[in-house]
């Protein structure tokens, strides 16, 4: 699945959720909720995989820097 198709599916899901909420149809709301969860699991890595990977790398790098600073401070204060 490419990014264009994934984006189109998210767009269709957004329209479906809007129709379900505005129409007040409980069963359609539940169906669209399930569809949204499935799309999130399948499409999120396609659309936002690079962003998530870079964010995790930055978080891990900052965690390592903080741990190194804490280790250095503990070594100096003892």
PDB file of N, CA and C in Angstrom:
ATOM      1  N   UNK A   1       0.851  -1.173   0.000  1.00  0.00           N
ATOM      2  CA  UNK A   1       0.000   0.000   0.000  1.00  0.00           C
ATOM      3  C   UNK A   1       0.901   1.242   0.000  1.00  0.00           C
ATOM      4  N   UNK A   2       0.599   2.177  -0.878  1.00  0.00           N
ATOM      5  CA  UNK A   2       1.414   3.386  -0.940  1.00  0.00           C
ATOM      6  C   UNK A   2       0.773   4.512  -0.128  1.00  0.00           C
ATOM      7  N   UNK A   3       1.493   5.610  -0.011  1.00  0.00           N
ATOM      8  CA  UNK A   3       1.025   6.716   0.827  1.00  0.00           C
ATOM      9  C   UNK A   3      -0.239   7.364   0.272  1.00  0.00           C
ATOM     10  N   UNK A   4      -0.384   7.402  -1.031  1.00  0.00           N
ATOM     11  CA  UNK A   4      -1.562   8.010  -1.636  1.00  0.00           C
ATOM     12  C   UNK A   4      -2.816   7.221  -1.278  1.00  0.00           C
ATOM     13  N   UNK A   5      -2.751   5.918  -1.410  1.00  0.00           N
ATOM     14  CA  UNK A   5      -3.892   5.074  -1.069  1.00  0.00           C
ATOM     15  C   UNK A   5      -4.195   5.149   0.429  1.00  0.00           C
ATOM     16  N   UNK A   6      -3.157   5.159   1.245  1.00  0.00           N
ATOM     17  CA  UNK A   6      -3.354   5.255   2.690  1.00  0.00           C
ATOM     18  C   UNK A   6      -4.016   6.573   3.066  1.00  0.00           C
ATOM     19  N   UNK A   7      -3.570   7.658   2.451  1.00  0.00           N
ATOM     20  CA  UNK A   7      -4.167   8.967   2.722  1.00  0.00           C
ATOM     21  C   UNK A   7      -5.623   9.008   2.275  1.00  0.00           C
ATOM     22  N   UNK A   8      -5.909   8.409   1.132  1.00  0.00           N
ATOM     23  CA  UNK A   8      -7.284   8.356   0.633  1.00  0.00           C
ATOM     24  C   UNK A   8      -8.183   7.555   1.574  1.00  0.00           C
ATOM     25  N   UNK A   9      -7.684   6.450   2.099  1.00  0.00           N
ATOM     26  CA  UNK A   9      -8.467   5.648   3.043  1.00  0.00           C
ATOM     27  C   UNK A   9      -8.737   6.421   4.332  1.00  0.00           C
ATOM     28  N   UNK A  10      -7.761   7.180   4.798  1.00  0.00           N
ATOM     29  CA  UNK A  10      -7.966   8.004   5.993  1.00  0.00           C
ATOM     30  C   UNK A  10      -9.006   9.085   5.699  1.00  0.00           C
ATOM     31  N   UNK A  11      -8.955   9.665   4.512  1.00  0.00           N
ATOM     32  CA  UNK A  11      -9.941  10.667   4.113  1.00  0.00           C
ATOM     33  C   UNK A  11     -11.341  10.064   4.093  1.00  0.00           C
ATOM     34  N   UNK A  12     -11.484   8.899   3.480  1.00  0.00           N
ATOM     35  CA  UNK A  12     -12.799   8.237   3.443  1.00  0.00           C
ATOM     36  C   UNK A  12     -13.289   7.893   4.847  1.00  0.00           C
ATOM     37  N   UNK A  13     -12.391   7.476   5.701  1.00  0.00           N
ATOM     38  CA  UNK A  13     -12.760   7.162   7.071  1.00  0.00           C
ATOM     39  C   UNK A  13     -13.236   8.415   7.807  1.00  0.00           C
ATOM     40  N   UNK A  14     -12.574   9.530   7.568  1.00  0.00           N
ATOM     41  CA  UNK A  14     -12.980  10.783   8.197  1.00  0.00           C
ATOM     42  C   UNK A  14     -14.379  11.186   7.744  1.00  0.00           C
ATOM     43  N   UNK A  15     -14.657  11.050   6.464  1.00  0.00           N
ATOM     44  CA  UNK A  15     -15.989  11.356   5.939  1.00  0.00           C
ATOM     45  C   UNK A  15     -17.016  10.401   6.565  1.00  0.00           C
ATOM     46  N   UNK A  16     -16.683   9.120   6.647  1.00  0.00           N
ATOM     47  CA  UNK A  16     -17.603   8.137   7.231  1.00  0.00           C
ATOM     48  C   UNK A  16     -17.894   8.414   8.691  1.00  0.00           C
ATOM     49  N   UNK A  17     -16.878   8.782   9.455  1.00  0.00           N
ATOM     50  CA  UNK A  17     -17.080   9.108  10.872  1.00  0.00           C
ATOM     51  C   UNK A  17     -17.969  10.343  10.995  1.00  0.00           C
ATOM     52  N   UNK A  18     -17.739  11.337  10.146  1.00  0.00           N
ATOM     53  CA  UNK A  18     -18.557  12.550  10.181  1.00  0.00           C
ATOM     54  C   UNK A  18     -20.015  12.241   9.882  1.00  0.00           C
ATOM     55  N   UNK A  19     -20.248  11.432   8.875  1.00  0.00           N
ATOM     56  CA  UNK A  19     -21.624  11.057   8.523  1.00  0.00           C
ATOM     57  C   UNK A  19     -22.268  10.279   9.660  1.00  0.00           C
ATOM     58  N   UNK A  20     -21.523   9.363  10.254  1.00  0.00           N
ATOM     59  CA  UNK A  20     -22.065   8.552  11.355  1.00  0.00           C
ATOM     60  C   UNK A  20     -22.422   9.430  12.548  1.00  0.00           C
ATOM     61  N   UNK A  21     -21.543  10.378  12.891  1.00  0.00           N
ATOM     62  CA  UNK A  21     -21.812  11.239  14.041  1.00  0.00           C
ATOM     63  C   UNK A  21     -22.956  12.211  13.779  1.00  0.00           C
ATOM     64  N   UNK A  22     -22.967  12.807  12.599  1.00  0.00           N
ATOM     65  CA  UNK A  22     -24.029  13.754  12.276  1.00  0.00           C
ATOM     66  C   UNK A  22     -25.376  13.056  12.116  1.00  0.00           C
ATOM     67  N   UNK A  23     -25.351  11.823  11.613  1.00  0.00           N
ATOM     68  CA  UNK A  23     -26.591  11.075  11.421  1.00  0.00           C
ATOM     69  C   UNK A  23     -27.118  10.472  12.715  1.00  0.00           C
ATOM     70  N   UNK A  24     -26.265  10.343  13.708  1.00  0.00           N
ATOM     71  CA  UNK A  24     -26.686   9.777  14.983  1.00  0.00           C
ATOM     72  C   UNK A  24     -26.943   8.285  14.931  1.00  0.00           C
ATOM     73  N   UNK A  25     -26.376   7.610  13.966  1.00  0.00           N
ATOM     74  CA  UNK A  25     -26.565   6.177  13.807  1.00  0.00           C
ATOM     75  C   UNK A  25     -25.541   5.439  14.668  1.00  0.00           C
ATOM     76  N   UNK A  26     -26.015   4.789  15.714  1.00  0.00           N
ATOM     77  CA  UNK A  26     -25.119   4.114  16.656  1.00  0.00           C
ATOM     78  C   UNK A  26     -24.333   2.993  15.995  1.00  0.00           C
ATOM     79  N   UNK A  27     -24.982   2.181  15.183  1.00  0.00           N
ATOM     80  CA  UNK A  27     -24.308   1.048  14.557  1.00  0.00           C
ATOM     81  C   UNK A  27     -23.252   1.512  13.566  1.00  0.00           C
ATOM     82  N   UNK A  28     -23.558   2.580  12.846  1.00  0.00           N
ATOM     83  CA  UNK A  28     -22.564   3.112  11.914  1.00  0.00           C
ATOM     84  C   UNK A  28     -21.388   3.726  12.677  1.00  0.00           C
ATOM     85  N   UNK A  29     -21.664   4.350  13.823  1.00  0.00           N
ATOM     86  CA  UNK A  29     -20.591   4.890  14.655  1.00  0.00           C
ATOM     87  C   UNK A  29     -19.668   3.769  15.136  1.00  0.00           C
ATOM     88  N   UNK A  30     -20.246   2.667  15.581  1.00  0.00           N
ATOM     89  CA  UNK A  30     -19.437   1.527  16.028  1.00  0.00           C
ATOM     90  C   UNK A  30     -18.629   0.944  14.875  1.00  0.00           C
ATOM     91  N   UNK A  31     -19.255   0.799  13.723  1.00  0.00           N
ATOM     92  CA  UNK A  31     -18.562   0.277  12.546  1.00  0.00           C
ATOM     93  C   UNK A  31     -17.407   1.192  12.146  1.00  0.00           C
ATOM     94  N   UNK A  32     -17.649   2.489  12.146  1.00  0.00           N
ATOM     95  CA  UNK A  32     -16.599   3.428  11.774  1.00  0.00           C
ATOM     96  C   UNK A  32     -15.493   3.472  12.843  1.00  0.00           C
ATOM     97  N   UNK A  33     -15.858   3.276  14.095  1.00  0.00           N
ATOM     98  CA  UNK A  33     -14.850   3.215  15.148  1.00  0.00           C
ATOM     99  C   UNK A  33     -13.926   2.028  14.963  1.00  0.00           C
ATOM    100  N   UNK A  34     -14.490   0.888  14.657  1.00  0.00           N
ATOM    101  CA  UNK A  34     -13.685  -0.310  14.401  1.00  0.00           C
ATOM    102  C   UNK A  34     -12.808  -0.106  13.164  1.00  0.00           C
ATOM    103  N   UNK A  35     -13.394   0.490  12.121  1.00  0.00           N
ATOM    104  CA  UNK A  35     -12.639   0.771  10.904  1.00  0.00           C
ATOM    105  C   UNK A  35     -11.479   1.723  11.184  1.00  0.00           C
ATOM    106  N   UNK A  36     -11.725   2.718  12.031  1.00  0.00           N
ATOM    107  CA  UNK A  36     -10.681   3.681  12.379  1.00  0.00           C
ATOM    108  C   UNK A  36      -9.527   3.008  13.093  1.00  0.00           C
ATOM    109  N   UNK A  37      -9.830   2.115  14.023  1.00  0.00           N
ATOM    110  CA  UNK A  37      -8.765   1.406  14.752  1.00  0.00           C
ATOM    111  C   UNK A  37      -7.956   0.534  13.802  1.00  0.00           C
ATOM    112  N   UNK A  38      -8.624  -0.171  12.922  1.00  0.00           N
ATOM    113  CA  UNK A  38      -7.930  -1.022  11.955  1.00  0.00           C
ATOM    114  C   UNK A  38      -7.046  -0.180  11.037  1.00  0.00           C
ATOM    115  N   UNK A  39      -7.591   0.944  10.554  1.00  0.00           N
ATOM    116  CA  UNK A  39      -6.800   1.824   9.693  1.00  0.00           C
ATOM    117  C   UNK A  39      -5.603   2.392  10.440  1.00  0.00           C
ATOM    118  N   UNK A  40      -5.792   2.753  11.704  1.00  0.00           N
ATOM    119  CA  UNK A  40      -4.686   3.305  12.487  1.00  0.00           C
ATOM    120  C   UNK A  40      -3.542   2.297  12.581  1.00  0.00           C
ATOM    121  N   UNK A  41      -3.882   1.059  12.845  1.00  0.00           N
ATOM    122  CA  UNK A  41      -2.853   0.026  12.986  1.00  0.00           C
ATOM    123  C   UNK A  41      -2.145  -0.223  11.653  1.00  0.00           C
ATOM    124  N   UNK A  42      -2.897  -0.241  10.558  1.00  0.00           N
ATOM    125  CA  UNK A  42      -2.320  -0.567   9.254  1.00  0.00           C
ATOM    126  C   UNK A  42      -1.653   0.618   8.565  1.00  0.00           C
ATOM    127  N   UNK A  43      -2.219   1.822   8.722  1.00  0.00           N
ATOM    128  CA  UNK A  43      -1.792   2.969   7.928  1.00  0.00           C
ATOM    129  C   UNK A  43      -0.768   3.841   8.655  1.00  0.00           C
ATOM    130  N   UNK A  44      -0.797   3.878   9.971  1.00  0.00           N
ATOM    131  CA  UNK A  44       0.118   4.754  10.704  1.00  0.00           C
ATOM    132  C   UNK A  44       1.585   4.497  10.363  1.00  0.00           C
ATOM    133  N   UNK A  45       2.047   3.240  10.306  1.00  0.00           N
ATOM    134  CA  UNK A  45       3.450   3.020   9.929  1.00  0.00           C
ATOM    135  C   UNK A  45       3.769   3.482   8.504  1.00  0.00           C
ATOM    136  N   UNK A  46       2.796   3.449   7.622  1.00  0.00           N
ATOM    137  CA  UNK A  46       3.027   3.861   6.239  1.00  0.00           C
ATOM    138  C   UNK A  46       3.154   5.383   6.151  1.00  0.00           C
ATOM    139  N   UNK A  47       2.235   6.084   6.789  1.00  0.00           N
ATOM    140  CA  UNK A  47       2.221   7.542   6.687  1.00  0.00           C
ATOM    141  C   UNK A  47       3.220   8.210   7.617  1.00  0.00           C
ATOM    142  N   UNK A  48       3.403   7.667   8.811  1.00  0.00           N
ATOM    143  CA  UNK A  48       4.211   8.336   9.818  1.00  0.00           C
ATOM    144  C   UNK A  48       5.378   7.498  10.325  1.00  0.00           C
ATOM    145  N   UNK A  49       5.756   6.464   9.605  1.00  0.00           N
ATOM    146  CA  UNK A  49       6.833   5.581  10.036  1.00  0.00           C
ATOM    147  C   UNK A  49       8.169   6.289  10.186  1.00  0.00           C
ATOM    148  N   UNK A  50       8.528   7.124   9.210  1.00  0.00           N
ATOM    149  CA  UNK A  50       9.802   7.851   9.286  1.00  0.00           C
ATOM    150  C   UNK A  50       9.809   8.811  10.462  1.00  0.00           C
ATOM    151  N   UNK A  51       8.711   9.532  10.638  1.00  0.00           N
ATOM    152  CA  UNK A  51       8.619  10.490  11.746  1.00  0.00           C
ATOM    153  C   UNK A  51       8.743   9.779  13.090  1.00  0.00           C
ATOM    154  N   UNK A  52       8.017   8.670  13.263  1.00  0.00           N
ATOM    155  CA  UNK A  52       8.065   7.919  14.527  1.00  0.00           C
ATOM    156  C   UNK A  52       9.467   7.377  14.802  1.00  0.00           C
ATOM    157  N   UNK A  53      10.127   6.880  13.756  1.00  0.00           N
ATOM    158  CA  UNK A  53      11.478   6.337  13.918  1.00  0.00           C
ATOM    159  C   UNK A  53      12.450   7.437  14.346  1.00  0.00           C
ATOM    160  N   UNK A  54      12.382   8.594  13.693  1.00  0.00           N
ATOM    161  CA  UNK A  54      13.272   9.704  14.048  1.00  0.00           C
ATOM    162  C   UNK A  54      12.989  10.197  15.463  1.00  0.00           C
ATOM    163  N   UNK A  55      11.707  10.258  15.837  1.00  0.00           N
ATOM    164  CA  UNK A  55      11.345  10.711  17.176  1.00  0.00           C
ATOM    165  C   UNK A  55      11.870   9.747  18.239  1.00  0.00           C
ATOM    166  N   UNK A  56      11.758   8.456  17.995  1.00  0.00           N
ATOM    167  CA  UNK A  56      12.269   7.470  18.944  1.00  0.00           C
ATOM    168  C   UNK A  56      13.782   7.559  19.066  1.00  0.00           C
ATOM    169  N   UNK A  57      14.463   7.801  17.945  1.00  0.00           N
ATOM    170  CA  UNK A  57      15.916   7.957  17.988  1.00  0.00           C
ATOM    171  C   UNK A  57      16.315   9.171  18.820  1.00  0.00           C
ATOM    172  N   UNK A  58      15.615  10.294  18.646  1.00  0.00           N
ATOM    173  CA  UNK A  58      15.910  11.499  19.423  1.00  0.00           C
ATOM    174  C   UNK A  58      15.655  11.268  20.909  1.00  0.00           C
ATOM    175  N   UNK A  59      14.548  10.608  21.227  1.00  0.00           N
ATOM    176  CA  UNK A  59      14.228  10.326  22.626  1.00  0.00           C
ATOM    177  C   UNK A  59      15.299   9.437  23.241  1.00  0.00           C
ATOM    178  N   UNK A  60      15.720   8.404  22.517  1.00  0.00           N
ATOM    179  CA  UNK A  60      16.753   7.502  23.027  1.00  0.00           C
ATOM    180  C   UNK A  60      18.082   8.233  23.200  1.00  0.00           C
ATOM    181  N   UNK A  61      18.421   9.118  22.257  1.00  0.00           N
ATOM    182  CA  UNK A  61      19.657   9.880  22.357  1.00  0.00           C
ATOM    183  C   UNK A  61      19.618  10.802  23.577  1.00  0.00           C
ATOM    184  N   UNK A  62      18.515  11.487  23.795  1.00  0.00           N
ATOM    185  CA  UNK A  62      18.391  12.367  24.958  1.00  0.00           C
ATOM    186  C   UNK A  62      18.424  11.569  26.258  1.00  0.00           C
ATOM    187  N   UNK A  63      17.830  10.366  26.247  1.00  0.00           N
ATOM    188  CA  UNK A  63      17.849   9.510  27.431  1.00  0.00           C
ATOM    189  C   UNK A  63      19.281   9.101  27.766  1.00  0.00           C
ATOM    190  N   UNK A  64      20.052   8.745  26.743  1.00  0.00           N
ATOM    191  CA  UNK A  64      21.448   8.360  26.965  1.00  0.00           C
ATOM    192  C   UNK A  64      22.274   9.540  27.474  1.00  0.00           C
ATOM    193  N   UNK A  65      22.038  10.743  26.919  1.00  0.00           N
ATOM    194  CA  UNK A  65      22.750  11.935  27.379  1.00  0.00           C
ATOM    195  C   UNK A  65      22.416  12.243  28.840  1.00  0.00           C
ATOM    196  N   UNK A  66      21.141  12.141  29.184  1.00  0.00           N
ATOM    197  CA  UNK A  66      20.720  12.398  30.560  1.00  0.00           C
ATOM    198  C   UNK A  66      21.334  11.376  31.510  1.00  0.00           C
ATOM    199  N   UNK A  67      21.347  10.126  31.117  1.00  0.00           N
ATOM    200  CA  UNK A  67      21.951   9.086  31.947  1.00  0.00           C
ATOM    201  C   UNK A  67      23.449   9.335  32.122  1.00  0.00           C
ATOM    202  N   UNK A  68      24.117   9.759  31.049  1.00  0.00           N
ATOM    203  CA  UNK A  68      25.553  10.055  31.137  1.00  0.00           C
ATOM    204  C   UNK A  68      25.796  11.238  32.080  1.00  0.00           C
ATOM    205  N   UNK A  69      24.951  12.274  31.996  1.00  0.00           N
ATOM    206  CA  UNK A  69      25.102  13.421  32.895  1.00  0.00           C
ATOM    207  C   UNK A  69      24.882  13.025  34.342  1.00  0.00           C
ATOM    208  N   UNK A  70      23.865  12.190  34.581  1.00  0.00           N
ATOM    209  CA  UNK A  70      23.597  11.735  35.951  1.00  0.00           C
ATOM    210  C   UNK A  70      24.766  10.924  36.481  1.00  0.00           C
ATOM    211  N   UNK A  71      25.312  10.062  35.647  1.00  0.00           N
ATOM    212  CA  UNK A  71      26.450   9.237  36.058  1.00  0.00           C
ATOM    213  C   UNK A  71      27.651  10.124  36.389  1.00  0.00           C
ATOM    214  N   UNK A  72      27.908  11.135  35.583  1.00  0.00           N
ATOM    215  CA  UNK A  72      29.028  12.038  35.832  1.00  0.00           C
ATOM    216  C   UNK A  72      28.825  12.839  37.110  1.00  0.00           C
ATOM    217  N   UNK A  73      27.637  13.313  37.345  1.00  0.00           N
ATOM    218  CA  UNK A  73      27.346  14.089  38.553  1.00  0.00           C
ATOM    219  C   UNK A  73      27.472  13.240  39.804  1.00  0.00           C
ATOM    220  N   UNK A  74      27.019  11.999  39.734  1.00  0.00           N
ATOM    221  CA  UNK A  74      27.138  11.103  40.898  1.00  0.00           C
ATOM    222  C   UNK A  74      28.597  10.782  41.177  1.00  0.00           C
ATOM    223  N   UNK A  75      29.388  10.632  40.135  1.00  0.00           N
ATOM    224  CA  UNK A  75      30.801  10.342  40.306  1.00  0.00           C
ATOM    225  C   UNK A  75      31.552  11.517  40.912  1.00  0.00           C
ATOM    226  N   UNK A  76      31.180  12.731  40.568  1.00  0.00           N
ATOM    227  CA  UNK A  76      31.844  13.930  41.085  1.00  0.00           C
ATOM    228  C   UNK A  76      31.452  14.195  42.520  1.00  0.00           C
ATOM    229  N   UNK A  77      30.184  13.987  42.861  1.00  0.00           N
ATOM    230  CA  UNK A  77      29.716  14.348  44.205  1.00  0.00           C
ATOM    231  C   UNK A  77      30.171  13.356  45.266  1.00  0.00           C
ATOM    232  N   UNK A  78      30.596  12.167  44.908  1.00  0.00           N
ATOM    233  CA  UNK A  78      31.008  11.165  45.910  1.00  0.00           C
ATOM    234  C   UNK A  78      32.371  11.356  46.375  1.00  0.00           C
TER     235      UNK A  78
END
